[in-house]
Amino acid sequence: MTATPAPARVRLKPEERRTQLINIGLRLLTTRPIHEMSIDEVAAEAGISRGLLFRYFPTKRDYYVAVVEAAGRRLLRHAKAPEQGAPAERVRGIVDGFVSFVQRRKGNYVALVRAGAGGDDLVLEVFEANRRTLTDRVLDAAGVPDPTPLHRLAVRGWLAMTEEMAIGATDDVVTTADLVDLLVGNLEQVMERFASGDR
């Protein structure tokens, strides 16, 4: 019985190697929480030694944070408002991008959320930065020029609901289009209550 040969090592530029290693981590994230990801497995798949991986990421924790940051950037690239349009249309752009992203990559996204639940401070900082960015985008799209702490709290709560519904929704319960309508309408109601002073 012959042993399976190790993958041939391919020489890459440093940035190409970093990108390759992060992409492997993003793929593996669909099958396990990030803190259960094996650095040896990542290195083997890349065709490099464990020691070479640590030339690009000084510690295992640095690698995990880089993978989570990359996942967050992918989400933020999709959850963007169009430059022009009424507030509802601009909010709809964010919601549609966010919901569609989560639903197309449900396994990966849930694994990413589990990574945040792992409690690592640096990973939690990445999650917090993404939530702040999304909150700012929603408030800007909704036409709230000078948001108060209560505005921010309300949008944070709405984003948590949006995430949970995007993860849990299936077509037999609600279509993606109807879910987006529901979420945009819900945010409009919240913002109207602020405008009317009914808090």
Protein backbone atom coordinates (compact mmCIF):
# COMPACT_ATOMS: atom_id res chain seq x y z
CA MET A 1 0.00 0.00 0.00
CA THR A 2 1.55 3.28 -1.10
CA ALA A 3 1.23 6.50 0.88
CA THR A 4 -0.59 9.46 -0.68
CA PRO A 5 2.03 11.99 -1.76
CA ALA A 6 1.97 15.38 -0.05
CA PRO A 7 0.76 18.25 -2.24
CA ALA A 8 3.57 19.90 -4.16
CA ARG A 9 4.67 23.18 -2.61
CA VAL A 10 3.86 26.15 -4.83
CA ARG A 11 5.92 29.29 -4.41
CA LEU A 12 3.64 32.31 -3.88
CA LYS A 13 4.25 35.96 -3.14
CA PRO A 14 3.64 36.82 0.56
CA GLU A 15 0.28 38.51 -0.07
CA GLU A 16 -0.86 35.66 -2.30
CA ARG A 17 0.08 33.15 0.40
CA ARG A 18 -1.75 35.13 3.10
CA THR A 19 -4.83 35.27 0.88
CA GLN A 20 -4.60 31.54 0.17
CA LEU A 21 -4.36 30.70 3.88
CA ILE A 22 -7.27 32.97 4.78
CA ASN A 23 -9.42 31.47 2.01
CA ILE A 24 -8.69 27.97 3.33
CA GLY A 25 -9.78 29.16 6.77
CA LEU A 26 -13.00 30.64 5.37
CA ARG A 27 -13.83 27.33 3.69
CA LEU A 28 -13.05 25.27 6.80
CA LEU A 29 -15.19 27.65 8.84
CA THR A 30 -18.26 26.12 7.21
CA THR A 31 -17.64 22.85 9.04
CA ARG A 32 -16.52 23.91 12.52
CA PRO A 33 -16.14 26.84 14.91
CA ILE A 34 -12.93 28.73 14.28
CA HIS A 35 -11.36 27.83 17.63
CA GLU A 36 -11.61 24.14 16.60
CA MET A 37 -9.80 24.73 13.30
CA SER A 38 -6.48 22.92 13.06
CA ILE A 39 -3.48 25.00 11.99
CA ASP A 40 -1.78 21.78 10.85
CA GLU A 41 -4.75 21.05 8.57
CA VAL A 42 -4.62 24.56 7.08
CA ALA A 43 -0.87 24.30 6.45
CA ALA A 44 -1.20 20.82 4.92
CA GLU A 45 -3.93 21.97 2.55
CA ALA A 46 -1.78 24.92 1.47
CA GLY A 47 1.15 22.55 0.88
CA ILE A 48 3.39 24.35 3.38
CA SER A 49 4.84 23.60 6.80
CA ARG A 50 3.25 24.74 10.03
CA GLY A 51 6.35 26.88 10.63
CA LEU A 52 5.92 28.69 7.31
CA LEU A 53 2.29 29.49 8.16
CA PHE A 54 3.53 31.22 11.31
CA ARG A 55 5.74 33.47 9.20
CA TYR A 56 2.53 35.02 7.85
CA PHE A 57 0.53 34.90 11.09
CA PRO A 58 2.70 35.08 14.24
CA THR A 59 0.20 33.15 16.39
CA LYS A 60 -2.80 30.89 15.91
CA ARG A 61 -4.93 33.69 17.32
CA ASP A 62 -3.62 36.13 14.68
CA TYR A 63 -4.65 33.66 12.00
CA TYR A 64 -8.13 33.19 13.44
CA VAL A 65 -8.67 36.96 13.68
CA ALA A 66 -7.53 37.42 10.06
CA VAL A 67 -10.07 34.80 8.91
CA VAL A 68 -12.90 36.44 10.88
CA GLU A 69 -11.94 39.89 9.57
CA ALA A 70 -12.03 38.56 5.99
CA ALA A 71 -15.47 37.05 6.57
CA GLY A 72 -16.70 40.37 7.98
CA ARG A 73 -15.36 42.29 4.96
CA ARG A 74 -17.23 39.94 2.62
CA LEU A 75 -20.48 40.61 4.45
CA LEU A 76 -19.96 44.38 4.47
CA ARG A 77 -19.25 44.39 0.71
CA HIS A 78 -22.77 43.00 0.17
CA ALA A 79 -24.67 44.97 2.83
CA LYS A 80 -24.37 48.41 1.23
CA ALA A 81 -26.90 51.11 0.45
CA PRO A 82 -27.15 52.52 -3.07
CA GLU A 83 -25.70 56.02 -3.36
CA GLN A 84 -29.03 57.55 -4.45
CA GLY A 85 -32.66 56.97 -3.56
CA ALA A 86 -35.25 57.53 -0.87
CA PRO A 87 -34.40 56.33 2.66
CA ALA A 88 -36.55 53.20 2.31
CA GLU A 89 -34.82 52.26 -0.96
CA ARG A 90 -31.38 52.81 0.55
CA VAL A 91 -32.22 50.75 3.66
CA ARG A 92 -33.64 48.06 1.38
CA GLY A 93 -30.26 47.83 -0.40
CA ILE A 94 -28.52 47.07 2.91
CA VAL A 95 -31.16 44.59 4.06
CA ASP A 96 -31.37 42.78 0.73
CA GLY A 97 -27.58 42.47 0.56
CA PHE A 98 -27.33 41.27 4.16
CA VAL A 99 -30.19 38.75 3.98
CA SER A 100 -29.10 37.38 0.60
CA PHE A 101 -25.50 37.01 1.81
CA VAL A 102 -26.55 35.13 4.96
CA GLN A 103 -29.00 32.87 3.14
CA ARG A 104 -26.52 31.93 0.39
CA ARG A 105 -23.83 31.09 2.94
CA LYS A 106 -25.90 29.95 5.88
CA GLY A 107 -23.50 27.26 7.08
CA ASN A 108 -20.51 29.59 6.83
CA TYR A 109 -22.33 32.45 8.50
CA VAL A 110 -23.60 30.34 11.40
CA ALA A 111 -20.05 29.02 11.90
CA LEU A 112 -18.83 32.61 11.97
CA VAL A 113 -21.43 33.55 14.58
CA ARG A 114 -20.32 30.56 16.64
CA ALA A 115 -16.77 31.92 16.43
CA GLY A 116 -17.98 35.09 18.09
CA ALA A 117 -19.62 33.03 20.79
CA GLY A 118 -16.20 31.51 21.53
CA GLY A 119 -15.43 34.58 23.62
CA ASP A 120 -12.00 35.55 22.25
CA ASP A 121 -11.59 39.29 22.87
CA LEU A 122 -9.97 40.01 19.49
CA VAL A 123 -12.65 38.08 17.60
CA LEU A 124 -15.34 39.90 19.57
CA GLU A 125 -13.71 43.23 18.63
CA VAL A 126 -14.04 42.29 14.94
CA PHE A 127 -17.73 41.47 15.44
CA GLU A 128 -18.27 44.73 17.31
CA ALA A 129 -16.59 46.76 14.55
CA ASN A 130 -18.83 45.11 11.93
CA ARG A 131 -21.95 45.83 13.98
CA ARG A 132 -20.92 49.47 14.37
CA THR A 133 -20.35 49.78 10.63
CA LEU A 134 -23.73 48.22 9.81
CA THR A 135 -25.46 50.42 12.41
CA ASP A 136 -23.87 53.54 10.91
CA ARG A 137 -24.85 52.47 7.40
CA VAL A 138 -28.47 51.84 8.37
CA LEU A 139 -28.80 55.14 10.23
CA ASP A 140 -27.25 57.04 7.32
CA ALA A 141 -29.48 55.26 4.78
CA ALA A 142 -32.56 55.91 6.94
CA GLY A 143 -31.78 59.63 6.92
CA VAL A 144 -30.91 60.03 10.61
CA PRO A 145 -28.23 62.77 10.52
CA ASP A 146 -27.51 63.04 14.24
CA PRO A 147 -28.38 59.71 15.87
CA THR A 148 -28.77 59.53 19.63
CA PRO A 149 -27.58 56.57 21.73
CA LEU A 150 -31.19 55.36 21.73
CA HIS A 151 -31.30 55.43 17.92
CA ARG A 152 -28.15 53.30 17.88
CA LEU A 153 -29.55 50.88 20.44
CA ALA A 154 -32.76 50.48 18.46
CA VAL A 155 -30.89 49.78 15.21
CA ARG A 156 -28.56 47.32 16.97
CA GLY A 157 -31.61 45.43 18.24
CA TRP A 158 -33.18 45.51 14.79
CA LEU A 159 -29.95 44.16 13.25
CA ALA A 160 -29.96 41.28 15.74
CA MET A 161 -33.54 40.45 14.69
CA THR A 162 -32.58 40.77 11.01
CA GLU A 163 -29.71 38.34 11.48
CA GLU A 164 -31.84 35.80 13.34
CA MET A 165 -34.63 35.94 10.75
CA ALA A 166 -32.18 35.67 7.84
CA ILE A 167 -30.66 32.55 9.40
CA GLY A 168 -33.96 30.92 10.32
CA ALA A 169 -36.13 31.81 7.31
CA THR A 170 -36.97 29.15 4.75
CA ASP A 171 -39.05 29.55 1.58
CA ASP A 172 -41.92 27.54 3.05
CA VAL A 173 -42.18 30.18 5.81
CA VAL A 174 -41.34 33.41 3.96
CA THR A 175 -39.63 34.25 0.68
CA THR A 176 -36.47 36.34 0.72
CA ALA A 177 -38.28 39.23 -0.98
CA ASP A 178 -41.10 39.18 1.58
CA LEU A 179 -38.63 38.94 4.45
CA VAL A 180 -36.77 42.00 3.15
CA ASP A 181 -40.10 43.88 2.89
CA LEU A 182 -40.99 42.90 6.45
CA LEU A 183 -37.63 44.00 7.86
CA VAL A 184 -37.58 47.32 6.00
CA GLY A 185 -41.15 48.05 7.12
CA ASN A 186 -40.27 47.20 10.70
CA LEU A 187 -37.35 49.63 10.71
CA GLU A 188 -39.53 52.36 9.18
CA GLN A 189 -42.01 51.92 12.05
CA VAL A 190 -39.21 52.21 14.60
CA MET A 191 -37.86 55.37 12.98
CA GLU A 192 -41.37 56.88 12.75
CA ARG A 193 -41.82 56.41 16.48
CA PHE A 194 -38.62 58.36 17.07
CA ALA A 195 -39.79 61.12 14.72
CA SER A 196 -43.15 61.40 16.50
CA GLY A 197 -41.51 61.42 19.92
CA ASP A 198 -43.31 58.19 20.93
CA ARG A 199 -40.49 56.42 22.74
